Amino acid sequence: MLASSLDMLEESLVKKIDIMAKIEAENERQKEILSDPDTVDEAEFDKTVDNKGELIDKLLALDEGFQLLFDRVKEEVGENKDKYGEQIGRMQGLIQEITSKSASIEAAEHRNKKLAESYFDTARRKMNSSKQSSAVAFNYYQTMNNYKDVPPQFLDKKN
């Protein structure tokens, strides 16, 4: 029973690393998409956000299952450390890899947040500029319409 539980815990850690690698790949895609604020493909960006959301949900489910199983076998593992030392060591290595990937993902998320803020600032400026251009054009149009019936100003009054 304990051996199979430890196998399941180890498998869970391996799956978590795999999912985290996919999140890192999605972060790279976001970085590429956001790298030039003038040419951002919003649909592609939304797709990466959705993909990351699904991956994070899977991670949370794995974490919850891992914790439940670990809580059940924790005492027994502590009593049999010598017997399962090799497997425990492998799992500790996997946990260190997970910690490293977590830090990497957090740094990438921070970087992508700054890129997204830059994109939104650029988009906001473009909208404001567009609004101002439209207002100027509309005012010019109104002004020209109001003056279409103006008689000539310089008349020759010689008789």
Protein backbone atom coordinates (compact mmCIF):
# COMPACT_ATOMS: atom_id res chain seq x y z
CA MET A 1 0.00 0.00 0.00
CA LEU A 2 2.71 2.49 0.98
CA ALA A 3 4.87 1.70 -2.04
CA SER A 4 1.99 2.32 -4.45
CA SER A 5 1.08 5.53 -2.62
CA LEU A 6 4.65 6.77 -2.93
CA ASP A 7 4.60 5.85 -6.62
CA MET A 8 1.43 7.90 -7.05
CA LEU A 9 2.99 10.84 -5.19
CA GLU A 10 6.07 10.68 -7.40
CA GLU A 11 3.95 10.45 -10.53
CA SER A 12 1.97 13.46 -9.36
CA LEU A 13 5.19 15.46 -8.98
CA VAL A 14 6.33 14.46 -12.48
CA LYS A 15 2.94 15.54 -13.92
CA LYS A 16 3.24 18.83 -12.06
CA ILE A 17 6.66 19.47 -13.62
CA ASP A 18 5.23 18.68 -17.06
CA ILE A 19 2.35 21.14 -16.56
CA MET A 20 4.74 23.79 -15.28
CA ALA A 21 6.87 23.35 -18.42
CA LYS A 22 3.72 23.97 -20.49
CA ILE A 23 3.02 27.13 -18.47
CA GLU A 24 6.58 28.28 -19.17
CA ALA A 25 5.96 27.72 -22.89
CA GLU A 26 2.75 29.77 -22.72
CA ASN A 27 4.68 32.53 -20.92
CA GLU A 28 7.20 32.57 -23.78
CA ARG A 29 4.36 32.82 -26.31
CA GLN A 30 2.94 35.75 -24.35
CA LYS A 31 6.36 37.40 -24.31
CA GLU A 32 6.59 37.07 -28.10
CA ILE A 33 3.06 38.40 -28.59
CA LEU A 34 3.60 41.38 -26.27
CA SER A 35 7.17 42.17 -27.36
CA ASP A 36 6.01 44.82 -29.87
CA PRO A 37 3.09 46.83 -28.43
CA ASP A 38 2.17 48.14 -31.90
CA THR A 39 1.51 44.69 -33.39
CA VAL A 40 -0.13 42.69 -30.58
CA ASP A 41 -2.50 39.93 -31.70
CA GLU A 42 -5.17 40.24 -29.01
CA ALA A 43 -6.91 36.97 -29.96
CA GLU A 44 -3.64 35.07 -29.64
CA PHE A 45 -2.92 36.77 -26.31
CA ASP A 46 -6.38 35.81 -25.01
CA LYS A 47 -5.77 32.24 -26.15
CA THR A 48 -2.54 32.04 -24.13
CA VAL A 49 -4.30 33.43 -21.06
CA ASP A 50 -7.06 30.81 -21.41
CA ASN A 51 -4.50 28.01 -21.89
CA LYS A 52 -2.61 29.11 -18.79
CA GLY A 53 -5.86 29.22 -16.82
CA GLU A 54 -6.61 25.61 -17.73
CA LEU A 55 -3.07 24.54 -16.85
CA ILE A 56 -3.25 26.31 -13.49
CA ASP A 57 -6.54 24.53 -12.73
CA LYS A 58 -4.82 21.20 -13.44
CA LEU A 59 -1.94 22.19 -11.16
CA LEU A 60 -4.31 23.04 -8.34
CA ALA A 61 -6.10 19.70 -8.73
CA LEU A 62 -2.76 17.87 -8.66
CA ASP A 63 -1.68 19.80 -5.56
CA GLU A 64 -4.91 18.99 -3.78
CA GLY A 65 -4.68 15.28 -4.63
CA PHE A 66 -1.01 15.18 -3.66
CA GLN A 67 -1.72 16.80 -0.31
CA LEU A 68 -4.61 14.44 0.49
CA LEU A 69 -2.54 11.37 -0.34
CA PHE A 70 0.53 12.68 1.46
CA ASP A 71 -1.50 13.38 4.61
CA ARG A 72 -2.67 9.75 4.59
CA VAL A 73 0.80 8.21 4.29
CA LYS A 74 2.92 10.80 6.09
CA GLU A 75 3.22 8.91 9.37
CA GLU A 76 3.94 5.60 7.73
CA VAL A 77 6.62 7.16 5.49
CA GLY A 78 8.26 8.73 8.54
CA GLU A 79 8.43 5.34 10.23
CA ASN A 80 9.89 3.62 7.14
CA LYS A 81 12.35 6.25 5.90
CA ASP A 82 15.13 3.72 5.51
CA LYS A 83 13.04 1.36 3.43
CA TYR A 84 11.85 4.07 1.00
CA GLY A 85 14.87 6.39 1.22
CA GLU A 86 15.72 6.20 -2.49
CA GLN A 87 12.20 7.06 -3.60
CA ILE A 88 11.93 9.82 -1.01
CA GLY A 89 15.21 11.25 -2.33
CA ARG A 90 13.87 11.24 -5.91
CA MET A 91 10.73 13.01 -4.75
CA GLN A 92 12.80 15.61 -2.91
CA GLY A 93 14.71 16.24 -6.14
CA LEU A 94 11.42 16.64 -8.01
CA ILE A 95 10.18 19.07 -5.37
CA GLN A 96 13.37 21.13 -5.77
CA GLU A 97 12.80 21.20 -9.53
CA ILE A 98 9.20 22.32 -8.95
CA THR A 99 10.42 25.10 -6.66
CA SER A 100 12.89 26.25 -9.29
CA LYS A 101 10.23 26.21 -12.01
CA SER A 102 7.87 28.16 -9.74
CA ALA A 103 10.43 30.92 -9.33
CA SER A 104 11.06 30.97 -13.08
CA ILE A 105 7.34 31.15 -13.83
CA GLU A 106 6.86 33.94 -11.31
CA ALA A 107 9.66 35.98 -12.91
CA ALA A 108 8.20 35.42 -16.39
CA GLU A 109 4.74 36.45 -15.16
CA HIS A 110 6.20 39.65 -13.73
CA ARG A 111 7.99 40.39 -17.02
CA ASN A 112 4.84 39.70 -19.06
CA LYS A 113 2.80 41.91 -16.76
CA LYS A 114 5.14 44.82 -17.54
CA LEU A 115 4.87 44.07 -21.27
CA ALA A 116 1.06 43.96 -21.04
CA GLU A 117 1.00 47.27 -19.17
CA SER A 118 3.16 48.79 -21.90
CA TYR A 119 0.77 47.48 -24.56
CA PHE A 120 -2.27 48.86 -22.73
CA ASP A 121 -0.58 52.26 -22.32
CA THR A 122 0.18 52.34 -26.05
CA ALA A 123 -3.38 51.30 -26.92
CA ARG A 124 -4.81 53.95 -24.58
CA ARG A 125 -2.65 56.66 -26.17
CA LYS A 126 -3.74 55.57 -29.64
CA MET A 127 -7.40 55.74 -28.62
CA ASN A 128 -6.97 59.19 -27.12
CA SER A 129 -5.12 60.38 -30.22
CA SER A 130 -7.85 58.93 -32.42
CA LYS A 131 -10.54 60.65 -30.34
CA GLN A 132 -8.74 63.98 -30.64
CA SER A 133 -8.29 63.57 -34.41
CA SER A 134 -11.97 62.73 -34.80
CA ALA A 135 -12.97 65.76 -32.72
CA VAL A 136 -10.76 68.08 -34.79
CA ALA A 137 -12.17 66.68 -38.04
CA PHE A 138 -15.73 67.01 -36.75
CA ASN A 139 -15.15 70.62 -35.65
CA TYR A 140 -13.64 71.44 -39.04
CA TYR A 141 -16.64 69.85 -40.78
CA GLN A 142 -19.10 71.85 -38.64
CA THR A 143 -17.17 75.07 -39.21
CA MET A 144 -17.12 74.57 -42.97
CA ASN A 145 -20.85 73.79 -43.04
CA ASN A 146 -21.66 76.95 -41.11
CA TYR A 147 -19.72 79.14 -43.54
CA LYS A 148 -20.95 77.77 -46.82
CA ASP A 149 -23.38 80.68 -47.35
CA VAL A 150 -20.95 83.47 -46.55
CA PRO A 151 -21.00 86.11 -49.31
CA PRO A 152 -17.68 87.17 -50.76
CA GLN A 153 -15.88 89.64 -48.52
CA PHE A 154 -14.12 91.72 -51.17
CA LEU A 155 -16.55 93.34 -53.58
CA ASP A 156 -15.69 95.93 -56.11
CA LYS A 157 -18.21 98.78 -55.53
CA LYS A 158 -17.25 101.00 -58.47
CA ASN A 159 -20.13 102.18 -60.51
